[in-house]
């Protein structure tokens, strides 16, 4: 276990280094820069060149990368090129909104997916199993932005049951009016709940009919004990990696969900930073998303290794 943890941590460090280079390279390859965006079509080439020199955008790429990396190592995320404000302050303001969306969605996935997957796996080929599988496939087939628009049109606009958007609302305003969170949380939850529940269902069904489970029954062990001591622990190992992908996917899904419902969270900030070609901002956002993905996948791999199927048979 120690050797595996060491290897996996070293791989995570290597992945982070690759992410640093990739994020900066993508930012460099994007057409245009902040000077073009700020001056717009009315700016003269001389004005654009002067602004580019003022912002340091005319320096070689490796020089800008070294400066950015040096600031990162000291905890300095830099200032936005469009507003002049610290990037860390902008992320701090927006993080609260994304947390209010992501945490309830993650809790729902954590609670509902094992229940749905276990019930479906233990009742394989039954009406309950077919109904749950059909619902999961339908929800998984609908893109998140389409589901969001359908919910807004039906629940908010047609029925008037819940607010449609959260335009102009910060984290404090959302806490004061939690009904605004219901529809986006449903959208964020749907796809990841389906993925994790189906993974758990497949694991439970396979372990329940496996040779080890059958041998335990022949030894006289009760079905409930077989399920609790063998089937569920061994089925949750592979699901741990899928759960890590769910956490990672919630950040990616936030980009679409925040756009549909008008939230000013991390996803919205990333989109605005790319549109403005604001390198310090979108590089920090991209690094935050990628770093989170590396970290949660590391935890998922360690958990899956710890919960790897155990083949010992005990009466």
C-alpha atoms as a PDB file:
ATOM      1  CA  UNK A   1       0.000   0.000   0.000  1.00  0.00           C
ATOM      2  CA  UNK A   2       2.814   2.440   0.885  1.00  0.00           C
ATOM      3  CA  UNK A   3       4.592   1.799  -2.409  1.00  0.00           C
ATOM      4  CA  UNK A   4       1.363   2.353  -4.337  1.00  0.00           C
ATOM      5  CA  UNK A   5       0.627   5.599  -2.457  1.00  0.00           C
ATOM      6  CA  UNK A   6       4.145   6.884  -3.165  1.00  0.00           C
ATOM      7  CA  UNK A   7       3.935   6.043  -6.873  1.00  0.00           C
ATOM      8  CA  UNK A   8       0.488   7.608  -7.185  1.00  0.00           C
ATOM      9  CA  UNK A   9       1.541  10.800  -5.380  1.00  0.00           C
ATOM     10  CA  UNK A  10       4.606  11.157  -7.617  1.00  0.00           C
ATOM     11  CA  UNK A  11       2.352  10.716 -10.650  1.00  0.00           C
ATOM     12  CA  UNK A  12       0.024  13.424  -9.293  1.00  0.00           C
ATOM     13  CA  UNK A  13       2.970  15.821  -8.954  1.00  0.00           C
ATOM     14  CA  UNK A  14       3.996  15.068 -12.546  1.00  0.00           C
ATOM     15  CA  UNK A  15       0.424  15.659 -13.703  1.00  0.00           C
ATOM     16  CA  UNK A  16       0.372  19.033 -11.944  1.00  0.00           C
ATOM     17  CA  UNK A  17       3.590  20.051 -13.719  1.00  0.00           C
ATOM     18  CA  UNK A  18       2.113  19.030 -17.072  1.00  0.00           C
ATOM     19  CA  UNK A  19      -1.034  21.000 -16.232  1.00  0.00           C
ATOM     20  CA  UNK A  20       1.036  24.118 -15.497  1.00  0.00           C
ATOM     21  CA  UNK A  21       2.728  23.961 -18.901  1.00  0.00           C
ATOM     22  CA  UNK A  22      -0.480  23.033 -20.752  1.00  0.00           C
ATOM     23  CA  UNK A  23      -2.537  25.817 -19.177  1.00  0.00           C
ATOM     24  CA  UNK A  24       0.060  28.455 -20.063  1.00  0.00           C
ATOM     25  CA  UNK A  25       0.485  27.055 -23.585  1.00  0.00           C
ATOM     26  CA  UNK A  26      -3.253  27.138 -24.249  1.00  0.00           C
ATOM     27  CA  UNK A  27      -3.422  30.706 -22.998  1.00  0.00           C
ATOM     28  CA  UNK A  28      -0.570  31.674 -25.315  1.00  0.00           C
ATOM     29  CA  UNK A  29      -2.141  29.993 -28.355  1.00  0.00           C
ATOM     30  CA  UNK A  30      -5.532  31.712 -27.977  1.00  0.00           C
ATOM     31  CA  UNK A  31      -6.077  34.289 -30.759  1.00  0.00           C
ATOM     32  CA  UNK A  32      -5.790  37.878 -29.598  1.00  0.00           C
ATOM     33  CA  UNK A  33      -4.929  39.167 -26.148  1.00  0.00           C
ATOM     34  CA  UNK A  34      -6.214  41.537 -23.489  1.00  0.00           C
ATOM     35  CA  UNK A  35      -4.974  44.591 -25.364  1.00  0.00           C
ATOM     36  CA  UNK A  36      -7.090  43.676 -28.399  1.00  0.00           C
ATOM     37  CA  UNK A  37     -10.161  43.185 -26.199  1.00  0.00           C
ATOM     38  CA  UNK A  38      -9.731  46.426 -24.236  1.00  0.00           C
ATOM     39  CA  UNK A  39      -9.097  48.612 -27.276  1.00  0.00           C
ATOM     40  CA  UNK A  40     -11.629  46.860 -29.475  1.00  0.00           C
ATOM     41  CA  UNK A  41     -12.146  47.704 -33.115  1.00  0.00           C
ATOM     42  CA  UNK A  42     -11.803  51.456 -32.500  1.00  0.00           C
ATOM     43  CA  UNK A  43      -8.269  51.243 -31.153  1.00  0.00           C
ATOM     44  CA  UNK A  44      -5.410  52.133 -33.469  1.00  0.00           C
ATOM     45  CA  UNK A  45      -2.488  49.739 -33.906  1.00  0.00           C
ATOM     46  CA  UNK A  46      -0.276  52.201 -32.027  1.00  0.00           C
ATOM     47  CA  UNK A  47      -2.680  52.281 -29.061  1.00  0.00           C
ATOM     48  CA  UNK A  48      -2.902  48.484 -28.991  1.00  0.00           C
ATOM     49  CA  UNK A  49       0.895  48.160 -29.143  1.00  0.00           C
ATOM     50  CA  UNK A  50       1.326  50.702 -26.330  1.00  0.00           C
ATOM     51  CA  UNK A  51      -1.193  48.887 -24.132  1.00  0.00           C
ATOM     52  CA  UNK A  52       0.427  45.533 -24.910  1.00  0.00           C
ATOM     53  CA  UNK A  53       3.782  46.938 -23.822  1.00  0.00           C
ATOM     54  CA  UNK A  54       2.222  48.399 -20.663  1.00  0.00           C
ATOM     55  CA  UNK A  55       0.682  45.036 -19.705  1.00  0.00           C
ATOM     56  CA  UNK A  56       3.870  43.117 -20.488  1.00  0.00           C
ATOM     57  CA  UNK A  57       2.212  41.059 -23.232  1.00  0.00           C
ATOM     58  CA  UNK A  58       5.008  41.686 -25.732  1.00  0.00           C
ATOM     59  CA  UNK A  59       7.583  39.799 -23.685  1.00  0.00           C
ATOM     60  CA  UNK A  60       8.666  36.296 -24.814  1.00  0.00           C
ATOM     61  CA  UNK A  61       6.424  33.431 -23.765  1.00  0.00           C
ATOM     62  CA  UNK A  62       9.099  31.712 -21.672  1.00  0.00           C
ATOM     63  CA  UNK A  63       9.712  34.947 -19.749  1.00  0.00           C
ATOM     64  CA  UNK A  64       6.015  35.342 -18.973  1.00  0.00           C
ATOM     65  CA  UNK A  65       5.813  31.660 -17.974  1.00  0.00           C
ATOM     66  CA  UNK A  66       8.747  32.012 -15.604  1.00  0.00           C
ATOM     67  CA  UNK A  67       7.201  35.102 -14.023  1.00  0.00           C
ATOM     68  CA  UNK A  68       3.820  33.392 -13.662  1.00  0.00           C
ATOM     69  CA  UNK A  69       5.371  30.256 -12.157  1.00  0.00           C
ATOM     70  CA  UNK A  70       7.460  32.318  -9.759  1.00  0.00           C
ATOM     71  CA  UNK A  71       4.398  34.197  -8.550  1.00  0.00           C
ATOM     72  CA  UNK A  72       2.479  30.935  -8.122  1.00  0.00           C
ATOM     73  CA  UNK A  73       5.221  29.458  -5.946  1.00  0.00           C
ATOM     74  CA  UNK A  74       4.944  32.471  -3.643  1.00  0.00           C
ATOM     75  CA  UNK A  75       1.145  32.299  -3.527  1.00  0.00           C
ATOM     76  CA  UNK A  76       0.689  35.395  -5.686  1.00  0.00           C
ATOM     77  CA  UNK A  77      -2.024  34.788  -8.284  1.00  0.00           C
ATOM     78  CA  UNK A  78      -1.455  38.183  -9.888  1.00  0.00           C
ATOM     79  CA  UNK A  79      -3.924  40.883 -10.908  1.00  0.00           C
ATOM     80  CA  UNK A  80      -6.554  40.852 -13.611  1.00  0.00           C
ATOM     81  CA  UNK A  81      -5.433  42.622 -16.763  1.00  0.00           C
ATOM     82  CA  UNK A  82      -8.936  43.965 -17.406  1.00  0.00           C
ATOM     83  CA  UNK A  83      -9.940  45.167 -13.926  1.00  0.00           C
ATOM     84  CA  UNK A  84      -6.576  45.487 -12.167  1.00  0.00           C
ATOM     85  CA  UNK A  85      -7.996  43.680  -9.111  1.00  0.00           C
ATOM     86  CA  UNK A  86      -6.291  40.654  -7.502  1.00  0.00           C
ATOM     87  CA  UNK A  87      -7.307  37.375  -9.127  1.00  0.00           C
ATOM     88  CA  UNK A  88      -7.531  35.711  -5.714  1.00  0.00           C
ATOM     89  CA  UNK A  89     -10.212  38.174  -4.588  1.00  0.00           C
ATOM     90  CA  UNK A  90     -12.292  37.456  -7.685  1.00  0.00           C
ATOM     91  CA  UNK A  91     -12.006  33.700  -7.132  1.00  0.00           C
ATOM     92  CA  UNK A  92     -12.926  34.112  -3.469  1.00  0.00           C
ATOM     93  CA  UNK A  93     -16.101  36.017  -4.331  1.00  0.00           C
ATOM     94  CA  UNK A  94     -17.187  33.504  -6.929  1.00  0.00           C
ATOM     95  CA  UNK A  95     -16.185  30.357  -5.020  1.00  0.00           C
ATOM     96  CA  UNK A  96     -19.004  30.805  -2.513  1.00  0.00           C
ATOM     97  CA  UNK A  97     -21.603  30.663  -5.296  1.00  0.00           C
ATOM     98  CA  UNK A  98     -20.107  27.518  -6.833  1.00  0.00           C
ATOM     99  CA  UNK A  99     -19.861  25.870  -3.403  1.00  0.00           C
ATOM    100  CA  UNK A 100     -23.563  26.534  -2.788  1.00  0.00           C
ATOM    101  CA  UNK A 101     -24.288  24.696  -6.041  1.00  0.00           C
ATOM    102  CA  UNK A 102     -21.737  21.916  -5.784  1.00  0.00           C
ATOM    103  CA  UNK A 103     -22.040  20.840  -2.142  1.00  0.00           C
ATOM    104  CA  UNK A 104     -25.798  20.041  -2.219  1.00  0.00           C
ATOM    105  CA  UNK A 105     -25.353  18.251  -5.544  1.00  0.00           C
ATOM    106  CA  UNK A 106     -22.450  16.218  -4.153  1.00  0.00           C
ATOM    107  CA  UNK A 107     -24.422  15.310  -1.025  1.00  0.00           C
ATOM    108  CA  UNK A 108     -27.370  14.137  -3.123  1.00  0.00           C
ATOM    109  CA  UNK A 109     -25.095  11.998  -5.305  1.00  0.00           C
ATOM    110  CA  UNK A 110     -23.347  10.576  -2.229  1.00  0.00           C
ATOM    111  CA  UNK A 111     -26.612   9.598  -0.539  1.00  0.00           C
ATOM    112  CA  UNK A 112     -28.816   8.574  -3.463  1.00  0.00           C
ATOM    113  CA  UNK A 113     -26.377   6.777  -5.796  1.00  0.00           C
ATOM    114  CA  UNK A 114     -25.467   3.929  -3.368  1.00  0.00           C
ATOM    115  CA  UNK A 115     -29.142   3.438  -2.484  1.00  0.00           C
ATOM    116  CA  UNK A 116     -30.337   3.387  -6.093  1.00  0.00           C
ATOM    117  CA  UNK A 117     -27.422   1.267  -7.307  1.00  0.00           C
ATOM    118  CA  UNK A 118     -27.706  -1.267  -4.491  1.00  0.00           C
ATOM    119  CA  UNK A 119     -31.489  -1.657  -4.804  1.00  0.00           C
ATOM    120  CA  UNK A 120     -31.194  -2.058  -8.567  1.00  0.00           C
ATOM    121  CA  UNK A 121     -28.314  -4.542  -8.302  1.00  0.00           C
ATOM    122  CA  UNK A 122     -29.997  -6.699  -5.658  1.00  0.00           C
ATOM    123  CA  UNK A 123     -33.208  -6.816  -7.712  1.00  0.00           C
ATOM    124  CA  UNK A 124     -31.584  -7.475 -11.052  1.00  0.00           C
ATOM    125  CA  UNK A 125     -34.002  -7.864 -13.994  1.00  0.00           C
ATOM    126  CA  UNK A 126     -37.001  -6.942 -11.815  1.00  0.00           C
ATOM    127  CA  UNK A 127     -39.476  -4.173 -12.602  1.00  0.00           C
ATOM    128  CA  UNK A 128     -37.719  -1.908 -10.130  1.00  0.00           C
ATOM    129  CA  UNK A 129     -34.372  -2.546 -11.828  1.00  0.00           C
ATOM    130  CA  UNK A 130     -35.778  -1.907 -15.297  1.00  0.00           C
ATOM    131  CA  UNK A 131     -37.528   1.269 -14.171  1.00  0.00           C
ATOM    132  CA  UNK A 132     -34.406   2.660 -12.486  1.00  0.00           C
ATOM    133  CA  UNK A 133     -32.192   1.745 -15.451  1.00  0.00           C
ATOM    134  CA  UNK A 134     -34.602   3.367 -17.907  1.00  0.00           C
ATOM    135  CA  UNK A 135     -34.775   6.561 -15.857  1.00  0.00           C
ATOM    136  CA  UNK A 136     -30.976   6.653 -15.556  1.00  0.00           C
ATOM    137  CA  UNK A 137     -30.480   6.198 -19.304  1.00  0.00           C
ATOM    138  CA  UNK A 138     -33.003   8.912 -20.151  1.00  0.00           C
ATOM    139  CA  UNK A 139     -31.465  11.410 -17.729  1.00  0.00           C
ATOM    140  CA  UNK A 140     -27.953  10.575 -18.887  1.00  0.00           C
ATOM    141  CA  UNK A 141     -28.909  11.102 -22.531  1.00  0.00           C
ATOM    142  CA  UNK A 142     -30.162  14.656 -21.951  1.00  0.00           C
ATOM    143  CA  UNK A 143     -27.340  17.256 -22.008  1.00  0.00           C
ATOM    144  CA  UNK A 144     -27.141  19.392 -18.890  1.00  0.00           C
ATOM    145  CA  UNK A 145     -27.897  22.679 -20.634  1.00  0.00           C
ATOM    146  CA  UNK A 146     -30.933  21.138 -22.367  1.00  0.00           C
ATOM    147  CA  UNK A 147     -32.255  19.763 -19.076  1.00  0.00           C
ATOM    148  CA  UNK A 148     -31.711  23.169 -17.483  1.00  0.00           C
ATOM    149  CA  UNK A 149     -33.647  24.961 -20.216  1.00  0.00           C
ATOM    150  CA  UNK A 150     -36.470  22.401 -20.025  1.00  0.00           C
ATOM    151  CA  UNK A 151     -36.761  22.854 -16.254  1.00  0.00           C
ATOM    152  CA  UNK A 152     -36.748  26.648 -16.574  1.00  0.00           C
ATOM    153  CA  UNK A 153     -39.428  26.549 -19.271  1.00  0.00           C
ATOM    154  CA  UNK A 154     -41.689  24.083 -17.447  1.00  0.00           C
ATOM    155  CA  UNK A 155     -41.160  24.617 -13.720  1.00  0.00           C
ATOM    156  CA  UNK A 156     -40.294  28.329 -13.649  1.00  0.00           C
ATOM    157  CA  UNK A 157     -41.946  30.007 -16.633  1.00  0.00           C
ATOM    158  CA  UNK A 158     -44.994  27.772 -17.186  1.00  0.00           C
ATOM    159  CA  UNK A 159     -45.799  26.676 -13.616  1.00  0.00           C
ATOM    160  CA  UNK A 160     -44.194  29.573 -11.737  1.00  0.00           C
ATOM    161  CA  UNK A 161     -43.042  27.264  -8.929  1.00  0.00           C
ATOM    162  CA  UNK A 162     -39.368  28.195  -8.654  1.00  0.00           C
ATOM    163  CA  UNK A 163     -37.153  31.146  -9.682  1.00  0.00           C
ATOM    164  CA  UNK A 164     -35.653  30.853 -13.152  1.00  0.00           C
ATOM    165  CA  UNK A 165     -32.368  32.711 -12.713  1.00  0.00           C
ATOM    166  CA  UNK A 166     -29.996  34.094 -10.101  1.00  0.00           C
ATOM    167  CA  UNK A 167     -28.742  37.097 -12.078  1.00  0.00           C
ATOM    168  CA  UNK A 168     -26.942  39.593  -9.851  1.00  0.00           C
ATOM    169  CA  UNK A 169     -27.098  37.406  -6.726  1.00  0.00           C
ATOM    170  CA  UNK A 170     -24.027  36.704  -4.605  1.00  0.00           C
ATOM    171  CA  UNK A 171     -23.596  33.898  -2.058  1.00  0.00           C
ATOM    172  CA  UNK A 172     -25.354  35.831   0.727  1.00  0.00           C
ATOM    173  CA  UNK A 173     -28.363  36.547  -1.484  1.00  0.00           C
ATOM    174  CA  UNK A 174     -28.549  32.890  -2.503  1.00  0.00           C
ATOM    175  CA  UNK A 175     -28.554  31.806   1.141  1.00  0.00           C
ATOM    176  CA  UNK A 176     -31.424  34.213   1.791  1.00  0.00           C
ATOM    177  CA  UNK A 177     -33.384  32.774  -1.145  1.00  0.00           C
ATOM    178  CA  UNK A 178     -32.432  29.068  -1.363  1.00  0.00           C
ATOM    179  CA  UNK A 179     -35.282  28.265  -3.771  1.00  0.00           C
ATOM    180  CA  UNK A 180     -33.063  29.681  -6.531  1.00  0.00           C
ATOM    181  CA  UNK A 181     -30.687  26.754  -6.008  1.00  0.00           C
ATOM    182  CA  UNK A 182     -33.218  23.961  -6.515  1.00  0.00           C
ATOM    183  CA  UNK A 183     -33.271  23.724 -10.322  1.00  0.00           C
ATOM    184  CA  UNK A 184     -29.497  24.117 -10.919  1.00  0.00           C
ATOM    185  CA  UNK A 185     -28.741  21.567  -8.185  1.00  0.00           C
ATOM    186  CA  UNK A 186     -31.120  19.105  -9.866  1.00  0.00           C
ATOM    187  CA  UNK A 187     -29.344  19.631 -13.190  1.00  0.00           C
ATOM    188  CA  UNK A 188     -25.892  19.208 -11.637  1.00  0.00           C
ATOM    189  CA  UNK A 189     -26.972  16.071  -9.786  1.00  0.00           C
ATOM    190  CA  UNK A 190     -28.772  14.211 -12.573  1.00  0.00           C
ATOM    191  CA  UNK A 191     -25.951  12.999 -14.817  1.00  0.00           C
ATOM    192  CA  UNK A 192     -23.507  12.150 -12.024  1.00  0.00           C
ATOM    193  CA  UNK A 193     -26.172  10.351 -10.022  1.00  0.00           C
ATOM    194  CA  UNK A 194     -26.929   8.185 -13.053  1.00  0.00           C
ATOM    195  CA  UNK A 195     -23.264   7.399 -13.723  1.00  0.00           C
ATOM    196  CA  UNK A 196     -22.430   6.446 -10.138  1.00  0.00           C
ATOM    197  CA  UNK A 197     -25.652   4.500  -9.545  1.00  0.00           C
ATOM    198  CA  UNK A 198     -25.109   2.415 -12.693  1.00  0.00           C
ATOM    199  CA  UNK A 199     -21.502   1.712 -11.654  1.00  0.00           C
ATOM    200  CA  UNK A 200     -22.611   0.535  -8.212  1.00  0.00           C
ATOM    201  CA  UNK A 201     -25.457  -1.478  -9.703  1.00  0.00           C
ATOM    202  CA  UNK A 202     -23.070  -3.332 -12.025  1.00  0.00           C
ATOM    203  CA  UNK A 203     -20.677  -4.059  -9.153  1.00  0.00           C
ATOM    204  CA  UNK A 204     -23.408  -5.287  -6.811  1.00  0.00           C
ATOM    205  CA  UNK A 205     -24.927  -7.551  -9.471  1.00  0.00           C
ATOM    206  CA  UNK A 206     -21.535  -9.045 -10.376  1.00  0.00           C
ATOM    207  CA  UNK A 207     -20.435  -9.649  -6.774  1.00  0.00           C
ATOM    208  CA  UNK A 208     -23.829 -11.030  -5.748  1.00  0.00           C
ATOM    209  CA  UNK A 209     -23.586 -13.820  -8.327  1.00  0.00           C
ATOM    210  CA  UNK A 210     -19.848 -14.361  -7.928  1.00  0.00           C
ATOM    211  CA  UNK A 211     -18.149 -17.539  -6.760  1.00  0.00           C
ATOM    212  CA  UNK A 212     -17.162 -16.074  -3.387  1.00  0.00           C
ATOM    213  CA  UNK A 213     -20.713 -15.025  -2.532  1.00  0.00           C
ATOM    214  CA  UNK A 214     -22.063 -18.432  -3.560  1.00  0.00           C
ATOM    215  CA  UNK A 215     -19.447 -20.174  -1.414  1.00  0.00           C
ATOM    216  CA  UNK A 216     -20.362 -18.041   1.592  1.00  0.00           C
ATOM    217  CA  UNK A 217     -24.001 -19.032   1.172  1.00  0.00           C
ATOM    218  CA  UNK A 218     -23.008 -22.688   1.057  1.00  0.00           C
ATOM    219  CA  UNK A 219     -21.163 -22.181   4.344  1.00  0.00           C
ATOM    220  CA  UNK A 220     -24.474 -21.112   5.875  1.00  0.00           C
ATOM    221  CA  UNK A 221     -23.926 -17.358   5.989  1.00  0.00           C
ATOM    222  CA  UNK A 222     -27.143 -15.362   5.870  1.00  0.00           C
ATOM    223  CA  UNK A 223     -27.898 -13.351   2.711  1.00  0.00           C
ATOM    224  CA  UNK A 224     -27.865 -10.069   4.587  1.00  0.00           C
ATOM    225  CA  UNK A 225     -24.404 -10.788   5.961  1.00  0.00           C
ATOM    226  CA  UNK A 226     -23.144 -11.816   2.512  1.00  0.00           C
ATOM    227  CA  UNK A 227     -24.385  -8.530   1.067  1.00  0.00           C
ATOM    228  CA  UNK A 228     -23.034  -6.318   3.858  1.00  0.00           C
ATOM    229  CA  UNK A 229     -19.673  -8.038   4.384  1.00  0.00           C
ATOM    230  CA  UNK A 230     -18.790  -9.050   0.849  1.00  0.00           C
ATOM    231  CA  UNK A 231     -21.009  -7.696  -1.936  1.00  0.00           C
ATOM    232  CA  UNK A 232     -21.145  -4.012  -0.971  1.00  0.00           C
ATOM    233  CA  UNK A 233     -17.475  -3.545   0.071  1.00  0.00           C
ATOM    234  CA  UNK A 234     -16.225  -5.176  -3.122  1.00  0.00           C
ATOM    235  CA  UNK A 235     -18.705  -3.291  -5.316  1.00  0.00           C
ATOM    236  CA  UNK A 236     -17.730   0.095  -3.875  1.00  0.00           C
ATOM    237  CA  UNK A 237     -14.053  -0.190  -4.833  1.00  0.00           C
ATOM    238  CA  UNK A 238     -14.465   0.588  -8.559  1.00  0.00           C
ATOM    239  CA  UNK A 239     -17.239   3.057  -7.675  1.00  0.00           C
ATOM    240  CA  UNK A 240     -14.739   5.158  -5.690  1.00  0.00           C
ATOM    241  CA  UNK A 241     -12.990   6.136  -8.917  1.00  0.00           C
ATOM    242  CA  UNK A 242     -16.311   6.993 -10.549  1.00  0.00           C
ATOM    243  CA  UNK A 243     -17.187   9.083  -7.492  1.00  0.00           C
ATOM    244  CA  UNK A 244     -13.952  11.049  -7.972  1.00  0.00           C
ATOM    245  CA  UNK A 245     -14.960  11.716 -11.577  1.00  0.00           C
ATOM    246  CA  UNK A 246     -18.323  12.963 -10.302  1.00  0.00           C
ATOM    247  CA  UNK A 247     -16.597  15.506  -8.070  1.00  0.00           C
ATOM    248  CA  UNK A 248     -14.454  16.560 -11.010  1.00  0.00           C
ATOM    249  CA  UNK A 249     -17.505  16.691 -13.293  1.00  0.00           C
ATOM    250  CA  UNK A 250     -19.402  18.956 -10.925  1.00  0.00           C
ATOM    251  CA  UNK A 251     -16.839  21.697 -11.563  1.00  0.00           C
ATOM    252  CA  UNK A 252     -17.053  21.197 -15.316  1.00  0.00           C
ATOM    253  CA  UNK A 253     -20.840  21.075 -15.188  1.00  0.00           C
ATOM    254  CA  UNK A 254     -20.885  24.316 -13.218  1.00  0.00           C
ATOM    255  CA  UNK A 255     -19.706  26.165 -16.337  1.00  0.00           C
ATOM    256  CA  UNK A 256     -22.886  25.215 -18.246  1.00  0.00           C
ATOM    257  CA  UNK A 257     -25.257  25.388 -15.288  1.00  0.00           C
ATOM    258  CA  UNK A 258     -24.068  28.825 -14.217  1.00  0.00           C
ATOM    259  CA  UNK A 259     -24.486  30.069 -17.796  1.00  0.00           C
ATOM    260  CA  UNK A 260     -28.058  28.740 -18.035  1.00  0.00           C
ATOM    261  CA  UNK A 261     -29.217  30.027 -14.648  1.00  0.00           C
ATOM    262  CA  UNK A 262     -27.190  33.248 -14.491  1.00  0.00           C
ATOM    263  CA  UNK A 263     -24.942  32.404 -11.529  1.00  0.00           C
ATOM    264  CA  UNK A 264     -21.722  34.365 -11.074  1.00  0.00           C
ATOM    265  CA  UNK A 265     -19.593  31.458  -9.876  1.00  0.00           C
ATOM    266  CA  UNK A 266     -16.241  29.989 -10.881  1.00  0.00           C
ATOM    267  CA  UNK A 267     -17.558  28.622 -14.166  1.00  0.00           C
ATOM    268  CA  UNK A 268     -18.941  32.004 -15.181  1.00  0.00           C
ATOM    269  CA  UNK A 269     -15.681  33.678 -14.141  1.00  0.00           C
ATOM    270  CA  UNK A 270     -13.664  31.277 -16.282  1.00  0.00           C
ATOM    271  CA  UNK A 271     -15.832  31.987 -19.342  1.00  0.00           C
ATOM    272  CA  UNK A 272     -15.545  35.751 -18.854  1.00  0.00           C
ATOM    273  CA  UNK A 273     -11.777  35.512 -18.405  1.00  0.00           C
ATOM    274  CA  UNK A 274     -11.400  33.573 -21.675  1.00  0.00           C
ATOM    275  CA  UNK A 275     -13.619  36.057 -23.515  1.00  0.00           C
ATOM    276  CA  UNK A 276     -11.486  38.937 -22.224  1.00  0.00           C
ATOM    277  CA  UNK A 277      -8.239  37.045 -22.981  1.00  0.00           C
ATOM    278  CA  UNK A 278      -7.295  37.884 -19.387  1.00  0.00           C
ATOM    279  CA  UNK A 279      -4.324  35.518 -19.016  1.00  0.00           C
ATOM    280  CA  UNK A 280      -3.784  35.762 -15.224  1.00  0.00           C
ATOM    281  CA  UNK A 281      -7.466  35.083 -14.635  1.00  0.00           C
ATOM    282  CA  UNK A 282      -8.212  32.229 -17.025  1.00  0.00           C
ATOM    283  CA  UNK A 283      -4.869  30.543 -16.318  1.00  0.00           C
ATOM    284  CA  UNK A 284      -5.658  30.565 -12.599  1.00  0.00           C
ATOM    285  CA  UNK A 285      -9.176  29.261 -13.177  1.00  0.00           C
ATOM    286  CA  UNK A 286      -7.920  26.520 -15.481  1.00  0.00           C
ATOM    287  CA  UNK A 287      -5.219  25.590 -12.987  1.00  0.00           C
ATOM    288  CA  UNK A 288      -7.792  25.482 -10.187  1.00  0.00           C
ATOM    289  CA  UNK A 289     -10.090  23.162 -12.153  1.00  0.00           C
ATOM    290  CA  UNK A 290      -7.265  20.932 -13.349  1.00  0.00           C
ATOM    291  CA  UNK A 291      -5.611  20.790  -9.931  1.00  0.00           C
ATOM    292  CA  UNK A 292      -8.909  19.814  -8.337  1.00  0.00           C
ATOM    293  CA  UNK A 293      -9.335  17.061 -10.929  1.00  0.00           C
ATOM    294  CA  UNK A 294      -5.836  15.697 -10.220  1.00  0.00           C
ATOM    295  CA  UNK A 295      -6.405  15.774  -6.456  1.00  0.00           C
ATOM    296  CA  UNK A 296      -9.836  14.091  -6.408  1.00  0.00           C
ATOM    297  CA  UNK A 297      -8.679  11.429  -8.872  1.00  0.00           C
ATOM    298  CA  UNK A 298      -5.696  10.760  -6.619  1.00  0.00           C
ATOM    299  CA  UNK A 299      -8.049  10.269  -3.669  1.00  0.00           C
ATOM    300  CA  UNK A 300     -10.325   8.093  -5.798  1.00  0.00           C
ATOM    301  CA  UNK A 301      -7.457   5.844  -6.888  1.00  0.00           C
ATOM    302  CA  UNK A 302      -6.215   5.478  -3.306  1.00  0.00           C
ATOM    303  CA  UNK A 303      -9.714   4.655  -2.077  1.00  0.00           C
ATOM    304  CA  UNK A 304     -10.251   2.148  -4.899  1.00  0.00           C
ATOM    305  CA  UNK A 305      -6.933   0.475  -4.088  1.00  0.00           C
ATOM    306  CA  UNK A 306      -7.849   0.318  -0.412  1.00  0.00           C
ATOM    307  CA  UNK A 307     -11.304  -1.078  -1.216  1.00  0.00           C
ATOM    308  CA  UNK A 308     -10.053  -3.455  -3.906  1.00  0.00           C
ATOM    309  CA  UNK A 309     -12.070  -6.680  -4.102  1.00  0.00           C
ATOM    310  CA  UNK A 310     -10.993  -9.048  -1.360  1.00  0.00           C
ATOM    311  CA  UNK A 311     -11.073 -12.706  -2.246  1.00  0.00           C
ATOM    312  CA  UNK A 312     -10.603 -14.267   1.159  1.00  0.00           C
ATOM    313  CA  UNK A 313     -13.497 -16.436   2.290  1.00  0.00           C
ATOM    314  CA  UNK A 314     -14.455 -16.379   5.965  1.00  0.00           C
ATOM    315  CA  UNK A 315     -17.337 -18.199   7.517  1.00  0.00           C
END
